[in-house]
Amino acid sequence: AEAQGDLLACALGMERWAGGRFSYESAADTDGDGSGDADSGPIAATIC
C-alpha cells in the first residue's frame, strides 16, 4: 500500500512536470543528481 501511494504521488508529480513542459519527457534521473535527464529510468527526486 505504501508503494501504491508512492506511485499515485509520483503520477501527480508527473502531471505537474508535464503542466510546465507539455510533455512527460526527461522525468528520469539516470545520473543520480535528483533532476530529470532521460525518458526512462529511476524517477527524479524533483518529481517525487
ModelCIF file with pLDDT and N, C-alpha, C, O atoms, coordinates in Angstrom:
data_MODEL
#
_entry.id   MODEL 
#
_entity.id                         1 
_entity.type                       polymer 
_entity.pdbx_number_of_molecules   1 
#
_entity_poly.entity_id                      1 
_entity_poly.type                           'polypeptide(L)' 
_entity_poly.nstd_linkage                   no 
_entity_poly.nstd_monomer                   no 
_entity_poly.pdbx_seq_one_letter_code       AEAQGDLLACALGMERWAGGRFSYESAADTDGDGSGDADSGPIAATIC 
_entity_poly.pdbx_seq_one_letter_code_can   AEAQGDLLACALGMERWAGGRFSYESAADTDGDGSGDADSGPIAATIC 
_entity_poly.pdbx_strand_id                 A 
#
loop_
_entity_poly_seq.entity_id 
_entity_poly_seq.num 
_entity_poly_seq.mon_id 
_entity_poly_seq.hetero 
1 1  ALA n 
1 2  GLU n 
1 3  ALA n 
1 4  GLN n 
1 5  GLY n 
1 6  ASP n 
1 7  LEU n 
1 8  LEU n 
1 9  ALA n 
1 10 CYS n 
1 11 ALA n 
1 12 LEU n 
1 13 GLY n 
1 14 MET n 
1 15 GLU n 
1 16 ARG n 
1 17 TRP n 
1 18 ALA n 
1 19 GLY n 
1 20 GLY n 
1 21 ARG n 
1 22 PHE n 
1 23 SER n 
1 24 TYR n 
1 25 GLU n 
1 26 SER n 
1 27 ALA n 
1 28 ALA n 
1 29 ASP n 
1 30 THR n 
1 31 ASP n 
1 32 GLY n 
1 33 ASP n 
1 34 GLY n 
1 35 SER n 
1 36 GLY n 
1 37 ASP n 
1 38 ALA n 
1 39 ASP n 
1 40 SER n 
1 41 GLY n 
1 42 PRO n 
1 43 ILE n 
1 44 ALA n 
1 45 ALA n 
1 46 THR n 
1 47 ILE n 
1 48 CYS n 
#
_struct_asym.id          A 
_struct_asym.entity_id   1 
#
loop_
_ma_qa_metric.id 
_ma_qa_metric.mode 
_ma_qa_metric.name 
_ma_qa_metric.software_group_id 
_ma_qa_metric.type 
1 global pLDDT . pLDDT 
2 local  pLDDT . pLDDT 
#
_ma_qa_metric_global.metric_id      1 
_ma_qa_metric_global.metric_value   94.75 
_ma_qa_metric_global.model_id       1 
_ma_qa_metric_global.ordinal_id     1 
#
loop_
_ma_qa_metric_local.label_asym_id 
_ma_qa_metric_local.label_comp_id 
_ma_qa_metric_local.label_seq_id 
_ma_qa_metric_local.metric_id 
_ma_qa_metric_local.metric_value 
_ma_qa_metric_local.model_id 
_ma_qa_metric_local.ordinal_id 
A ALA 1  2 97.00 1 1  
A GLU 2  2 97.00 1 2  
A ALA 3  2 97.00 1 3  
A GLN 4  2 97.00 1 4  
A GLY 5  2 97.00 1 5  
A ASP 6  2 97.00 1 6  
A LEU 7  2 98.00 1 7  
A LEU 8  2 97.00 1 8  
A ALA 9  2 97.00 1 9  
A CYS 10 2 97.00 1 10 
A ALA 11 2 97.00 1 11 
A LEU 12 2 97.00 1 12 
A GLY 13 2 96.00 1 13 
A MET 14 2 96.00 1 14 
A GLU 15 2 96.00 1 15 
A ARG 16 2 95.00 1 16 
A TRP 17 2 94.00 1 17 
A ALA 18 2 94.00 1 18 
A GLY 19 2 93.00 1 19 
A GLY 20 2 89.00 1 20 
A ARG 21 2 91.00 1 21 
A PHE 22 2 93.00 1 22 
A SER 23 2 94.00 1 23 
A TYR 24 2 95.00 1 24 
A GLU 25 2 95.00 1 25 
A SER 26 2 94.00 1 26 
A ALA 27 2 95.00 1 27 
A ALA 28 2 95.00 1 28 
A ASP 29 2 95.00 1 29 
A THR 30 2 95.00 1 30 
A ASP 31 2 94.00 1 31 
A GLY 32 2 91.00 1 32 
A ASP 33 2 94.00 1 33 
A GLY 34 2 89.00 1 34 
A SER 35 2 90.00 1 35 
A GLY 36 2 91.00 1 36 
A ASP 37 2 93.00 1 37 
A ALA 38 2 94.00 1 38 
A ASP 39 2 95.00 1 39 
A SER 40 2 96.00 1 40 
A GLY 41 2 96.00 1 41 
A PRO 42 2 96.00 1 42 
A ILE 43 2 96.00 1 43 
A ALA 44 2 95.00 1 44 
A ALA 45 2 94.00 1 45 
A THR 46 2 94.00 1 46 
A ILE 47 2 95.00 1 47 
A CYS 48 2 95.00 1 48 
#
loop_
_atom_site.group_PDB 
_atom_site.id 
_atom_site.type_symbol 
_atom_site.label_atom_id 
_atom_site.label_alt_id 
_atom_site.label_comp_id 
_atom_site.label_asym_id 
_atom_site.label_entity_id 
_atom_site.label_seq_id 
_atom_site.pdbx_PDB_ins_code 
_atom_site.Cartn_x 
_atom_site.Cartn_y 
_atom_site.Cartn_z 
_atom_site.occupancy 
_atom_site.B_iso_or_equiv 
_atom_site.pdbx_formal_charge 
_atom_site.auth_seq_id 
_atom_site.auth_comp_id 
_atom_site.auth_asym_id 
_atom_site.auth_atom_id 
_atom_site.pdbx_PDB_model_num 
ATOM 1   N N  . ALA A 1 1  ? 0.839  -1.207 0.000   1.00 97.00 ? 1  ALA A N  1 
ATOM 2   C CA . ALA A 1 1  ? 0.000  0.000  0.000   1.00 97.00 ? 1  ALA A CA 1 
ATOM 3   C C  . ALA A 1 1  ? 0.871  1.253  0.000   1.00 97.00 ? 1  ALA A C  1 
ATOM 4   O O  . ALA A 1 1  ? 0.523  2.253  -0.628  1.00 97.00 ? 1  ALA A O  1 
ATOM 5   N N  . GLU A 1 2  ? 1.988  1.201  0.695   1.00 97.00 ? 2  GLU A N  1 
ATOM 6   C CA . GLU A 1 2  ? 2.916  2.339  0.700   1.00 97.00 ? 2  GLU A CA 1 
ATOM 7   C C  . GLU A 1 2  ? 3.453  2.584  -0.715  1.00 97.00 ? 2  GLU A C  1 
ATOM 8   O O  . GLU A 1 2  ? 3.526  3.730  -1.160  1.00 97.00 ? 2  GLU A O  1 
ATOM 9   N N  . ALA A 1 3  ? 3.825  1.518  -1.418  1.00 97.00 ? 3  ALA A N  1 
ATOM 10  C CA . ALA A 1 3  ? 4.323  1.660  -2.792  1.00 97.00 ? 3  ALA A CA 1 
ATOM 11  C C  . ALA A 1 3  ? 3.219  2.157  -3.726  1.00 97.00 ? 3  ALA A C  1 
ATOM 12  O O  . ALA A 1 3  ? 3.485  2.955  -4.625  1.00 97.00 ? 3  ALA A O  1 
ATOM 13  N N  . GLN A 1 4  ? 1.993  1.697  -3.523  1.00 97.00 ? 4  GLN A N  1 
ATOM 14  C CA . GLN A 1 4  ? 0.879  2.181  -4.332  1.00 97.00 ? 4  GLN A CA 1 
ATOM 15  C C  . GLN A 1 4  ? 0.670  3.681  -4.107  1.00 97.00 ? 4  GLN A C  1 
ATOM 16  O O  . GLN A 1 4  ? 0.443  4.431  -5.056  1.00 97.00 ? 4  GLN A O  1 
ATOM 17  N N  . GLY A 1 5  ? 0.746  4.102  -2.866  1.00 97.00 ? 5  GLY A N  1 
ATOM 18  C CA . GLY A 1 5  ? 0.644  5.529  -2.559  1.00 97.00 ? 5  GLY A CA 1 
ATOM 19  C C  . GLY A 1 5  ? 1.764  6.324  -3.200  1.00 97.00 ? 5  GLY A C  1 
ATOM 20  O O  . GLY A 1 5  ? 1.547  7.435  -3.685  1.00 97.00 ? 5  GLY A O  1 
ATOM 21  N N  . ASP A 1 6  ? 2.970  5.753  -3.204  1.00 97.00 ? 6  ASP A N  1 
ATOM 22  C CA . ASP A 1 6  ? 4.096  6.417  -3.857  1.00 97.00 ? 6  ASP A CA 1 
ATOM 23  C C  . ASP A 1 6  ? 3.855  6.568  -5.354  1.00 97.00 ? 6  ASP A C  1 
ATOM 24  O O  . ASP A 1 6  ? 4.162  7.611  -5.932  1.00 97.00 ? 6  ASP A O  1 
ATOM 25  N N  . LEU A 1 7  ? 3.308  5.531  -5.984  1.00 98.00 ? 7  LEU A N  1 
ATOM 26  C CA . LEU A 1 7  ? 3.023  5.622  -7.422  1.00 98.00 ? 7  LEU A CA 1 
ATOM 27  C C  . LEU A 1 7  ? 1.981  6.706  -7.698  1.00 98.00 ? 7  LEU A C  1 
ATOM 28  O O  . LEU A 1 7  ? 2.103  7.450  -8.671  1.00 98.00 ? 7  LEU A O  1 
ATOM 29  N N  . LEU A 1 8  ? 0.969  6.795  -6.855  1.00 97.00 ? 8  LEU A N  1 
ATOM 30  C CA . LEU A 1 8  ? -0.041 7.837  -7.041  1.00 97.00 ? 8  LEU A CA 1 
ATOM 31  C C  . LEU A 1 8  ? 0.566  9.230  -6.852  1.00 97.00 ? 8  LEU A C  1 
ATOM 32  O O  . LEU A 1 8  ? 0.266  10.148 -7.616  1.00 97.00 ? 8  LEU A O  1 
ATOM 33  N N  . ALA A 1 9  ? 1.413  9.384  -5.843  1.00 97.00 ? 9  ALA A N  1 
ATOM 34  C CA . ALA A 1 9  ? 2.077  10.679 -5.621  1.00 97.00 ? 9  ALA A CA 1 
ATOM 35  C C  . ALA A 1 9  ? 3.002  11.019 -6.791  1.00 97.00 ? 9  ALA A C  1 
ATOM 36  O O  . ALA A 1 9  ? 3.075  12.174 -7.213  1.00 97.00 ? 9  ALA A O  1 
ATOM 37  N N  . CYS A 1 10 ? 3.700  10.022 -7.308  1.00 97.00 ? 10 CYS A N  1 
ATOM 38  C CA . CYS A 1 10 ? 4.585  10.264 -8.450  1.00 97.00 ? 10 CYS A CA 1 
ATOM 39  C C  . CYS A 1 10 ? 3.788  10.591 -9.711  1.00 97.00 ? 10 CYS A C  1 
ATOM 40  O O  . CYS A 1 10 ? 4.239  11.379 -10.543 1.00 97.00 ? 10 CYS A O  1 
ATOM 41  N N  . ALA A 1 11 ? 2.600  9.989  -9.858  1.00 97.00 ? 11 ALA A N  1 
ATOM 42  C CA . ALA A 1 11 ? 1.742  10.319 -11.010 1.00 97.00 ? 11 ALA A CA 1 
ATOM 43  C C  . ALA A 1 11 ? 1.315  11.785 -10.934 1.00 97.00 ? 11 ALA A C  1 
ATOM 44  O O  . ALA A 1 11 ? 1.281  12.476 -11.953 1.00 97.00 ? 11 ALA A O  1 
ATOM 45  N N  . LEU A 1 12 ? 0.991  12.260 -9.736  1.00 97.00 ? 12 LEU A N  1 
ATOM 46  C CA . LEU A 1 12 ? 0.679  13.683 -9.583  1.00 97.00 ? 12 LEU A CA 1 
ATOM 47  C C  . LEU A 1 12 ? 1.891  14.542 -9.913  1.00 97.00 ? 12 LEU A C  1 
ATOM 48  O O  . LEU A 1 12 ? 1.764  15.591 -10.544 1.00 97.00 ? 12 LEU A O  1 
ATOM 49  N N  . GLY A 1 13 ? 3.057  14.095 -9.487  1.00 96.00 ? 13 GLY A N  1 
ATOM 50  C CA . GLY A 1 13 ? 4.285  14.808 -9.829  1.00 96.00 ? 13 GLY A CA 1 
ATOM 51  C C  . GLY A 1 13 ? 4.527  14.841 -11.329 1.00 96.00 ? 13 GLY A C  1 
ATOM 52  O O  . GLY A 1 13 ? 4.987  15.848 -11.867 1.00 96.00 ? 13 GLY A O  1 
ATOM 53  N N  . MET A 1 14 ? 4.217  13.739 -12.002 1.00 96.00 ? 14 MET A N  1 
ATOM 54  C CA . MET A 1 14 ? 4.364  13.705 -13.465 1.00 96.00 ? 14 MET A CA 1 
ATOM 55  C C  . MET A 1 14 ? 3.409  14.699 -14.125 1.00 96.00 ? 14 MET A C  1 
ATOM 56  O O  . MET A 1 14 ? 3.769  15.343 -15.111 1.00 96.00 ? 14 MET A O  1 
ATOM 57  N N  . GLU A 1 15 ? 2.198  14.827 -13.589 1.00 96.00 ? 15 GLU A N  1 
ATOM 58  C CA . GLU A 1 15 ? 1.251  15.787 -14.153 1.00 96.00 ? 15 GLU A CA 1 
ATOM 59  C C  . GLU A 1 15 ? 1.740  17.221 -13.949 1.00 96.00 ? 15 GLU A C  1 
ATOM 60  O O  . GLU A 1 15 ? 1.610  18.058 -14.843 1.00 96.00 ? 15 GLU A O  1 
ATOM 61  N N  . ARG A 1 16 ? 2.301  17.500 -12.777 1.00 95.00 ? 16 ARG A N  1 
ATOM 62  C CA . ARG A 1 16 ? 2.884  18.838 -12.549 1.00 95.00 ? 16 ARG A CA 1 
ATOM 63  C C  . ARG A 1 16 ? 4.051  19.070 -13.512 1.00 95.00 ? 16 ARG A C  1 
ATOM 64  O O  . ARG A 1 16 ? 4.198  20.155 -14.074 1.00 95.00 ? 16 ARG A O  1 
ATOM 65  N N  . TRP A 1 17 ? 4.874  18.041 -13.690 1.00 94.00 ? 17 TRP A N  1 
ATOM 66  C CA . TRP A 1 17 ? 6.025  18.121 -14.602 1.00 94.00 ? 17 TRP A CA 1 
ATOM 67  C C  . TRP A 1 17 ? 5.554  18.459 -16.011 1.00 94.00 ? 17 TRP A C  1 
ATOM 68  O O  . TRP A 1 17 ? 6.098  19.355 -16.657 1.00 94.00 ? 17 TRP A O  1 
ATOM 69  N N  . ALA A 1 18 ? 4.540  17.736 -16.483 1.00 94.00 ? 18 ALA A N  1 
ATOM 70  C CA . ALA A 1 18 ? 4.040  17.948 -17.844 1.00 94.00 ? 18 ALA A CA 1 
ATOM 71  C C  . ALA A 1 18 ? 3.268  19.257 -17.966 1.00 94.00 ? 18 ALA A C  1 
ATOM 72  O O  . ALA A 1 18 ? 3.163  19.814 -19.059 1.00 94.00 ? 18 ALA A O  1 
ATOM 73  N N  . GLY A 1 19 ? 2.727  19.752 -16.854 1.00 93.00 ? 19 GLY A N  1 
ATOM 74  C CA . GLY A 1 19 ? 1.994  21.010 -16.891 1.00 93.00 ? 19 GLY A CA 1 
ATOM 75  C C  . GLY A 1 19 ? 2.854  22.184 -17.311 1.00 93.00 ? 19 GLY A C  1 
ATOM 76  O O  . GLY A 1 19 ? 2.364  23.115 -17.950 1.00 93.00 ? 19 GLY A O  1 
ATOM 77  N N  . GLY A 1 20 ? 4.111  22.152 -16.966 1.00 89.00 ? 20 GLY A N  1 
ATOM 78  C CA . GLY A 1 20 ? 5.008  23.247 -17.329 1.00 89.00 ? 20 GLY A CA 1 
ATOM 79  C C  . GLY A 1 20 ? 5.777  22.998 -18.617 1.00 89.00 ? 20 GLY A C  1 
ATOM 80  O O  . GLY A 1 20 ? 6.313  23.930 -19.216 1.00 89.00 ? 20 GLY A O  1 
ATOM 81  N N  . ARG A 1 21 ? 5.830  21.743 -19.040 1.00 91.00 ? 21 ARG A N  1 
ATOM 82  C CA . ARG A 1 21 ? 6.638  21.388 -20.219 1.00 91.00 ? 21 ARG A CA 1 
ATOM 83  C C  . ARG A 1 21 ? 5.807  20.864 -21.385 1.00 91.00 ? 21 ARG A C  1 
ATOM 84  O O  . ARG A 1 21 ? 6.308  20.730 -22.501 1.00 91.00 ? 21 ARG A O  1 
ATOM 85  N N  . PHE A 1 22 ? 4.520  20.564 -21.119 1.00 93.00 ? 22 PHE A N  1 
ATOM 86  C CA . PHE A 1 22 ? 3.625  19.989 -22.129 1.00 93.00 ? 22 PHE A CA 1 
ATOM 87  C C  . PHE A 1 22 ? 4.151  18.660 -22.656 1.00 93.00 ? 22 PHE A C  1 
ATOM 88  O O  . PHE A 1 22 ? 3.903  18.297 -23.806 1.00 93.00 ? 22 PHE A O  1 
ATOM 89  N N  . SER A 1 23 ? 4.883  17.932 -21.800 1.00 94.00 ? 23 SER A N  1 
ATOM 90  C CA . SER A 1 23 ? 5.446  16.641 -22.179 1.00 94.00 ? 23 SER A CA 1 
ATOM 91  C C  . SER A 1 23 ? 5.853  15.885 -20.915 1.00 94.00 ? 23 SER A C  1 
ATOM 92  O O  . SER A 1 23 ? 6.175  16.489 -19.891 1.00 94.00 ? 23 SER A O  1 
ATOM 93  N N  . TYR A 1 24 ? 5.832  14.565 -21.003 1.00 95.00 ? 24 TYR A N  1 
ATOM 94  C CA . TYR A 1 24 ? 6.289  13.719 -19.902 1.00 95.00 ? 24 TYR A CA 1 
ATOM 95  C C  . TYR A 1 24 ? 7.761  13.317 -20.073 1.00 95.00 ? 24 TYR A C  1 
ATOM 96  O O  . TYR A 1 24 ? 8.268  12.483 -19.323 1.00 95.00 ? 24 TYR A O  1 
ATOM 97  N N  . GLU A 1 25 ? 8.430  13.898 -21.039 1.00 95.00 ? 25 GLU A N  1 
ATOM 98  C CA . GLU A 1 25 ? 9.822  13.525 -21.328 1.00 95.00 ? 25 GLU A CA 1 
ATOM 99  C C  . GLU A 1 25 ? 10.775 14.023 -20.242 1.00 95.00 ? 25 GLU A C  1 
ATOM 100 O O  . GLU A 1 25 ? 10.471 14.970 -19.516 1.00 95.00 ? 25 GLU A O  1 
ATOM 101 N N  . SER A 1 26 ? 11.913 13.378 -20.147 1.00 94.00 ? 26 SER A N  1 
ATOM 102 C CA . SER A 1 26 ? 13.024 13.756 -19.271 1.00 94.00 ? 26 SER A CA 1 
ATOM 103 C C  . SER A 1 26 ? 12.662 13.781 -17.793 1.00 94.00 ? 26 SER A C  1 
ATOM 104 O O  . SER A 1 26 ? 13.119 14.653 -17.054 1.00 94.00 ? 26 SER A O  1 
ATOM 105 N N  . ALA A 1 27 ? 11.844 12.829 -17.360 1.00 95.00 ? 27 ALA A N  1 
ATOM 106 C CA . ALA A 1 27 ? 11.460 12.752 -15.950 1.00 95.00 ? 27 ALA A CA 1 
ATOM 107 C C  . ALA A 1 27 ? 12.288 11.746 -15.172 1.00 95.00 ? 27 ALA A C  1 
ATOM 108 O O  . ALA A 1 27 ? 12.134 11.622 -13.957 1.00 95.00 ? 27 ALA A O  1 
ATOM 109 N N  . ALA A 1 28 ? 13.164 11.027 -15.856 1.00 95.00 ? 28 ALA A N  1 
ATOM 110 C CA . ALA A 1 28 ? 14.001 10.023 -15.192 1.00 95.00 ? 28 ALA A CA 1 
ATOM 111 C C  . ALA A 1 28 ? 15.362 10.612 -14.840 1.00 95.00 ? 28 ALA A C  1 
ATOM 112 O O  . ALA A 1 28 ? 15.899 11.457 -15.557 1.00 95.00 ? 28 ALA A O  1 
ATOM 113 N N  . ASP A 1 29 ? 15.896 10.154 -13.737 1.00 95.00 ? 29 ASP A N  1 
ATOM 114 C CA . ASP A 1 29 ? 17.200 10.612 -13.254 1.00 95.00 ? 29 ASP A CA 1 
ATOM 115 C C  . ASP A 1 29 ? 18.205 9.476  -13.408 1.00 95.00 ? 29 ASP A C  1 
ATOM 116 O O  . ASP A 1 29 ? 18.288 8.597  -12.551 1.00 95.00 ? 29 ASP A O  1 
ATOM 117 N N  . THR A 1 30 ? 18.963 9.493  -14.496 1.00 95.00 ? 30 THR A N  1 
ATOM 118 C CA . THR A 1 30 ? 19.912 8.417  -14.743 1.00 95.00 ? 30 THR A CA 1 
ATOM 119 C C  . THR A 1 30 ? 21.303 8.688  -14.175 1.00 95.00 ? 30 THR A C  1 
ATOM 120 O O  . THR A 1 30 ? 22.115 7.767  -14.072 1.00 95.00 ? 30 THR A O  1 
ATOM 121 N N  . ASP A 1 31 ? 21.588 9.927  -13.807 1.00 94.00 ? 31 ASP A N  1 
ATOM 122 C CA . ASP A 1 31 ? 22.925 10.219 -13.277 1.00 94.00 ? 31 ASP A CA 1 
ATOM 123 C C  . ASP A 1 31 ? 22.934 10.449 -11.765 1.00 94.00 ? 31 ASP A C  1 
ATOM 124 O O  . ASP A 1 31 ? 23.983 10.749 -11.196 1.00 94.00 ? 31 ASP A O  1 
ATOM 125 N N  . GLY A 1 32 ? 21.787 10.313 -11.112 1.00 91.00 ? 32 GLY A N  1 
ATOM 126 C CA . GLY A 1 32 ? 21.721 10.380 -9.659  1.00 91.00 ? 32 GLY A CA 1 
ATOM 127 C C  . GLY A 1 32 ? 21.807 11.760 -9.046  1.00 91.00 ? 32 GLY A C  1 
ATOM 128 O O  . GLY A 1 32 ? 22.076 11.881 -7.851  1.00 91.00 ? 32 GLY A O  1 
ATOM 129 N N  . ASP A 1 33 ? 21.588 12.807 -9.827  1.00 94.00 ? 33 ASP A N  1 
ATOM 130 C CA . ASP A 1 33 ? 21.675 14.160 -9.263  1.00 94.00 ? 33 ASP A CA 1 
ATOM 131 C C  . ASP A 1 33 ? 20.333 14.693 -8.774  1.00 94.00 ? 33 ASP A C  1 
ATOM 132 O O  . ASP A 1 33 ? 20.265 15.809 -8.260  1.00 94.00 ? 33 ASP A O  1 
ATOM 133 N N  . GLY A 1 34 ? 19.265 13.914 -8.926  1.00 89.00 ? 34 GLY A N  1 
ATOM 134 C CA . GLY A 1 34 ? 17.953 14.326 -8.427  1.00 89.00 ? 34 GLY A CA 1 
ATOM 135 C C  . GLY A 1 34 ? 17.058 14.990 -9.441  1.00 89.00 ? 34 GLY A C  1 
ATOM 136 O O  . GLY A 1 34 ? 15.862 15.146 -9.193  1.00 89.00 ? 34 GLY A O  1 
ATOM 137 N N  . SER A 1 35 ? 17.602 15.389 -10.585 1.00 90.00 ? 35 SER A N  1 
ATOM 138 C CA . SER A 1 35 ? 16.765 16.046 -11.591 1.00 90.00 ? 35 SER A CA 1 
ATOM 139 C C  . SER A 1 35 ? 16.673 15.176 -12.842 1.00 90.00 ? 35 SER A C  1 
ATOM 140 O O  . SER A 1 35 ? 17.540 14.343 -13.106 1.00 90.00 ? 35 SER A O  1 
ATOM 141 N N  . GLY A 1 36 ? 15.604 15.390 -13.601 1.00 91.00 ? 36 GLY A N  1 
ATOM 142 C CA . GLY A 1 36 ? 15.346 14.584 -14.786 1.00 91.00 ? 36 GLY A CA 1 
ATOM 143 C C  . GLY A 1 36 ? 16.322 14.855 -15.912 1.00 91.00 ? 36 GLY A C  1 
ATOM 144 O O  . GLY A 1 36 ? 16.652 16.003 -16.210 1.00 91.00 ? 36 GLY A O  1 
ATOM 145 N N  . ASP A 1 37 ? 16.782 13.768 -16.538 1.00 93.00 ? 37 ASP A N  1 
ATOM 146 C CA . ASP A 1 37 ? 17.709 13.902 -17.657 1.00 93.00 ? 37 ASP A CA 1 
ATOM 147 C C  . ASP A 1 37 ? 17.502 12.847 -18.735 1.00 93.00 ? 37 ASP A C  1 
ATOM 148 O O  . ASP A 1 37 ? 18.251 12.812 -19.711 1.00 93.00 ? 37 ASP A O  1 
ATOM 149 N N  . ALA A 1 38 ? 16.493 11.981 -18.577 1.00 94.00 ? 38 ALA A N  1 
ATOM 150 C CA . ALA A 1 38 ? 16.232 10.934 -19.568 1.00 94.00 ? 38 ALA A CA 1 
ATOM 151 C C  . ALA A 1 38 ? 14.747 10.602 -19.554 1.00 94.00 ? 38 ALA A C  1 
ATOM 152 O O  . ALA A 1 38 ? 14.016 11.025 -18.658 1.00 94.00 ? 38 ALA A O  1 
ATOM 153 N N  . ASP A 1 39 ? 14.306 9.839  -20.553 1.00 95.00 ? 39 ASP A N  1 
ATOM 154 C CA . ASP A 1 39 ? 12.904 9.458  -20.643 1.00 95.00 ? 39 ASP A CA 1 
ATOM 155 C C  . ASP A 1 39 ? 12.574 8.206  -19.828 1.00 95.00 ? 39 ASP A C  1 
ATOM 156 O O  . ASP A 1 39 ? 11.432 8.025  -19.405 1.00 95.00 ? 39 ASP A O  1 
ATOM 157 N N  . SER A 1 40 ? 13.573 7.339  -19.607 1.00 96.00 ? 40 SER A N  1 
ATOM 158 C CA . SER A 1 40 ? 13.350 6.085  -18.881 1.00 96.00 ? 40 SER A CA 1 
ATOM 159 C C  . SER A 1 40 ? 14.420 5.895  -17.827 1.00 96.00 ? 40 SER A C  1 
ATOM 160 O O  . SER A 1 40 ? 15.598 6.172  -18.057 1.00 96.00 ? 40 SER A O  1 
ATOM 161 N N  . GLY A 1 41 ? 13.990 5.415  -16.658 1.00 96.00 ? 41 GLY A N  1 
ATOM 162 C CA . GLY A 1 41 ? 14.922 5.138  -15.574 1.00 96.00 ? 41 GLY A CA 1 
ATOM 163 C C  . GLY A 1 41 ? 14.308 5.488  -14.236 1.00 96.00 ? 41 GLY A C  1 
ATOM 164 O O  . GLY A 1 41 ? 13.096 5.685  -14.142 1.00 96.00 ? 41 GLY A O  1 
ATOM 165 N N  . PRO A 1 42 ? 15.130 5.567  -13.196 1.00 96.00 ? 42 PRO A N  1 
ATOM 166 C CA . PRO A 1 42 ? 14.607 5.934  -11.863 1.00 96.00 ? 42 PRO A CA 1 
ATOM 167 C C  . PRO A 1 42 ? 13.970 7.315  -11.905 1.00 96.00 ? 42 PRO A C  1 
ATOM 168 O O  . PRO A 1 42 ? 14.498 8.234  -12.532 1.00 96.00 ? 42 PRO A O  1 
ATOM 169 N N  . ILE A 1 43 ? 12.848 7.453  -11.241 1.00 96.00 ? 43 ILE A N  1 
ATOM 170 C CA . ILE A 1 43 ? 12.160 8.743  -11.277 1.00 96.00 ? 43 ILE A CA 1 
ATOM 171 C C  . ILE A 1 43 ? 12.978 9.797  -10.531 1.00 96.00 ? 43 ILE A C  1 
ATOM 172 O O  . ILE A 1 43 ? 13.582 9.517  -9.496  1.00 96.00 ? 43 ILE A O  1 
ATOM 173 N N  . ALA A 1 44 ? 12.984 10.996 -11.071 1.00 95.00 ? 44 ALA A N  1 
ATOM 174 C CA . ALA A 1 44 ? 13.761 12.094 -10.490 1.00 95.00 ? 44 ALA A CA 1 
ATOM 175 C C  . ALA A 1 44 ? 13.150 12.547 -9.173  1.00 95.00 ? 44 ALA A C  1 
ATOM 176 O O  . ALA A 1 44 ? 11.928 12.588 -9.025  1.00 95.00 ? 44 ALA A O  1 
ATOM 177 N N  . ALA A 1 45 ? 14.003 12.886 -8.225  1.00 94.00 ? 45 ALA A N  1 
ATOM 178 C CA . ALA A 1 45 ? 13.545 13.361 -6.916  1.00 94.00 ? 45 ALA A CA 1 
ATOM 179 C C  . ALA A 1 45 ? 12.795 14.677 -7.032  1.00 94.00 ? 45 ALA A C  1 
ATOM 180 O O  . ALA A 1 45 ? 11.991 15.003 -6.159  1.00 94.00 ? 45 ALA A O  1 
ATOM 181 N N  . THR A 1 46 ? 13.041 15.442 -8.095  1.00 94.00 ? 46 THR A N  1 
ATOM 182 C CA . THR A 1 46 ? 12.295 16.691 -8.285  1.00 94.00 ? 46 THR A CA 1 
ATOM 183 C C  . THR A 1 46 ? 10.837 16.423 -8.639  1.00 94.00 ? 46 THR A C  1 
ATOM 184 O O  . THR A 1 46 ? 9.989  17.303 -8.486  1.00 94.00 ? 46 THR A O  1 
ATOM 185 N N  . ILE A 1 47 ? 10.542 15.222 -9.108  1.00 95.00 ? 47 ILE A N  1 
ATOM 186 C CA . ILE A 1 47 ? 9.164  14.852 -9.447  1.00 95.00 ? 47 ILE A CA 1 
ATOM 187 C C  . ILE A 1 47 ? 8.457  14.294 -8.214  1.00 95.00 ? 47 ILE A C  1 
ATOM 188 O O  . ILE A 1 47 ? 7.346  14.713 -7.887  1.00 95.00 ? 47 ILE A O  1 
ATOM 189 N N  . CYS A 1 48 ? 9.100  13.356 -7.535  1.00 95.00 ? 48 CYS A N  1 
ATOM 190 C CA . CYS A 1 48 ? 8.547  12.807 -6.295  1.00 95.00 ? 48 CYS A CA 1 
ATOM 191 C C  . CYS A 1 48 ? 9.640  12.069 -5.538  1.00 95.00 ? 48 CYS A C  1 
ATOM 192 O O  . CYS A 1 48 ? 9.389  11.528 -4.461  1.00 95.00 ? 48 CYS A O  1 
#
